[in-house]
Amino acid sequence: MDELPDPVRRRLDEVFGDVLPATTSDEREDRPDSGDGDAELLANRPPHHDQD
């Protein structure tokens, strides 16, 4: 497959984003602190969650 010209490649990346990133989110250093996960989930739970 032929390489696309740079302007076309940039436009495709702008529209569709990075389809296959070079690294996964768990391999990156910039991921959020895992200690905040429960607090965020509890703060954003749906209103019907507490109904029995």
N, C-alpha and C. Protein backbone atom coordinates (compact mmCIF):
# COMPACT_ATOMS: atom_id res chain seq x y z
N MET A 1 0.85 -1.19 0.00
CA MET A 1 0.00 0.00 0.00
C MET A 1 0.89 1.25 0.00
N ASP A 2 0.58 2.19 -0.84
CA ASP A 2 1.37 3.42 -0.95
C ASP A 2 1.12 4.32 0.26
N GLU A 3 2.15 5.02 0.66
CA GLU A 3 2.02 6.00 1.74
C GLU A 3 1.20 7.19 1.25
N LEU A 4 0.39 7.72 2.13
CA LEU A 4 -0.41 8.89 1.79
C LEU A 4 0.43 10.16 1.96
N PRO A 5 0.12 11.19 1.19
CA PRO A 5 0.83 12.47 1.38
C PRO A 5 0.58 13.02 2.79
N ASP A 6 1.52 13.78 3.30
CA ASP A 6 1.43 14.31 4.66
C ASP A 6 0.14 15.08 4.94
N PRO A 7 -0.31 15.97 4.06
CA PRO A 7 -1.57 16.68 4.36
C PRO A 7 -2.77 15.74 4.50
N VAL A 8 -2.80 14.71 3.68
CA VAL A 8 -3.91 13.75 3.76
C VAL A 8 -3.81 12.97 5.06
N ARG A 9 -2.62 12.52 5.40
CA ARG A 9 -2.41 11.76 6.65
C ARG A 9 -2.79 12.61 7.86
N ARG A 10 -2.39 13.88 7.88
CA ARG A 10 -2.72 14.76 9.00
C ARG A 10 -4.23 14.94 9.12
N ARG A 11 -4.90 15.11 7.98
CA ARG A 11 -6.36 15.30 7.99
C ARG A 11 -7.05 14.04 8.49
N LEU A 12 -6.61 12.89 8.06
CA LEU A 12 -7.19 11.62 8.55
C LEU A 12 -6.97 11.46 10.04
N ASP A 13 -5.78 11.79 10.52
CA ASP A 13 -5.49 11.72 11.95
C ASP A 13 -6.36 12.69 12.73
N GLU A 14 -6.59 13.88 12.16
CA GLU A 14 -7.41 14.89 12.82
C GLU A 14 -8.86 14.41 12.93
N VAL A 15 -9.36 13.79 11.88
CA VAL A 15 -10.76 13.35 11.85
C VAL A 15 -10.96 12.08 12.67
N PHE A 16 -10.11 11.09 12.49
CA PHE A 16 -10.33 9.79 13.10
C PHE A 16 -9.51 9.53 14.34
N GLY A 17 -8.53 10.35 14.62
CA GLY A 17 -7.70 10.15 15.79
C GLY A 17 -6.67 9.06 15.57
N ASP A 18 -6.04 8.67 16.64
CA ASP A 18 -5.00 7.65 16.60
C ASP A 18 -5.66 6.29 16.75
N VAL A 19 -5.83 5.57 15.67
CA VAL A 19 -6.54 4.30 15.68
C VAL A 19 -5.77 3.24 16.45
N LEU A 20 -4.51 3.11 16.17
CA LEU A 20 -3.67 2.13 16.86
C LEU A 20 -2.48 2.85 17.48
N PRO A 21 -2.60 3.27 18.74
CA PRO A 21 -1.48 3.97 19.37
C PRO A 21 -0.26 3.06 19.52
N ALA A 22 0.90 3.67 19.62
CA ALA A 22 2.14 2.91 19.76
C ALA A 22 2.22 2.21 21.11
N THR A 23 1.61 2.80 22.14
CA THR A 23 1.59 2.19 23.46
C THR A 23 0.17 2.19 24.00
N THR A 24 -0.11 1.27 24.90
CA THR A 24 -1.42 1.23 25.52
C THR A 24 -1.43 2.14 26.74
N SER A 25 -2.62 2.46 27.24
CA SER A 25 -2.72 3.41 28.35
C SER A 25 -2.02 2.92 29.61
N ASP A 26 -1.96 1.61 29.83
CA ASP A 26 -1.30 1.10 31.03
C ASP A 26 0.23 1.12 30.90
N GLU A 27 0.74 1.36 29.71
CA GLU A 27 2.19 1.46 29.52
C GLU A 27 2.70 2.89 29.65
N ARG A 28 1.80 3.86 29.66
CA ARG A 28 2.20 5.26 29.69
C ARG A 28 2.40 5.75 31.12
N GLU A 29 3.29 6.70 31.27
CA GLU A 29 3.58 7.29 32.57
C GLU A 29 2.56 8.34 32.98
N ASP A 30 1.79 8.87 32.01
CA ASP A 30 0.87 9.98 32.30
C ASP A 30 -0.52 9.52 32.73
N ARG A 31 -0.68 8.27 33.09
CA ARG A 31 -2.01 7.80 33.49
C ARG A 31 -2.36 8.32 34.89
N PRO A 32 -3.65 8.48 35.18
CA PRO A 32 -4.06 9.02 36.48
C PRO A 32 -3.72 8.09 37.64
N ASP A 33 -3.64 8.67 38.81
CA ASP A 33 -3.34 7.90 40.01
C ASP A 33 -4.49 6.93 40.29
N SER A 34 -4.18 5.66 40.52
CA SER A 34 -5.22 4.65 40.71
C SER A 34 -5.94 4.81 42.05
N GLY A 35 -5.43 5.59 42.98
CA GLY A 35 -6.08 5.78 44.27
C GLY A 35 -7.35 6.59 44.20
N ASP A 36 -7.55 7.34 43.12
CA ASP A 36 -8.73 8.19 42.96
C ASP A 36 -9.91 7.44 42.35
N GLY A 37 -9.72 6.23 41.89
CA GLY A 37 -10.74 5.50 41.15
C GLY A 37 -12.04 5.31 41.90
N ASP A 38 -12.00 4.85 43.13
CA ASP A 38 -13.23 4.60 43.88
C ASP A 38 -13.99 5.88 44.17
N ALA A 39 -13.29 6.92 44.54
CA ALA A 39 -13.96 8.19 44.85
C ALA A 39 -14.66 8.74 43.61
N GLU A 40 -14.01 8.63 42.47
CA GLU A 40 -14.61 9.11 41.24
C GLU A 40 -15.84 8.28 40.86
N LEU A 41 -15.74 6.98 41.01
CA LEU A 41 -16.88 6.12 40.70
C LEU A 41 -18.06 6.39 41.63
N LEU A 42 -17.79 6.55 42.90
CA LEU A 42 -18.87 6.83 43.86
C LEU A 42 -19.50 8.19 43.61
N ALA A 43 -18.72 9.17 43.24
CA ALA A 43 -19.25 10.50 42.99
C ALA A 43 -20.09 10.54 41.72
N ASN A 44 -19.82 9.66 40.78
CA ASN A 44 -20.51 9.68 39.49
C ASN A 44 -21.49 8.52 39.30
N ARG A 45 -21.93 7.91 40.38
CA ARG A 45 -22.87 6.78 40.23
C ARG A 45 -24.26 7.30 39.86
N PRO A 46 -25.03 6.50 39.14
CA PRO A 46 -26.35 6.95 38.71
C PRO A 46 -27.31 7.07 39.87
N PRO A 47 -28.36 7.92 39.75
CA PRO A 47 -29.30 8.14 40.85
C PRO A 47 -30.03 6.87 41.29
N HIS A 48 -30.28 5.96 40.40
CA HIS A 48 -31.03 4.75 40.77
C HIS A 48 -30.15 3.72 41.49
N HIS A 49 -28.86 3.98 41.62
CA HIS A 49 -27.94 3.03 42.22
C HIS A 49 -28.30 2.71 43.69
N ASP A 50 -28.75 3.70 44.45
CA ASP A 50 -29.04 3.51 45.87
C ASP A 50 -30.42 2.93 46.13
N GLN A 51 -31.24 2.73 45.11
CA GLN A 51 -32.58 2.19 45.31
C GLN A 51 -32.52 0.67 45.37
N ASP A 52 -33.26 0.11 46.31
CA ASP A 52 -33.31 -1.36 46.43
C ASP A 52 -34.62 -1.90 45.95
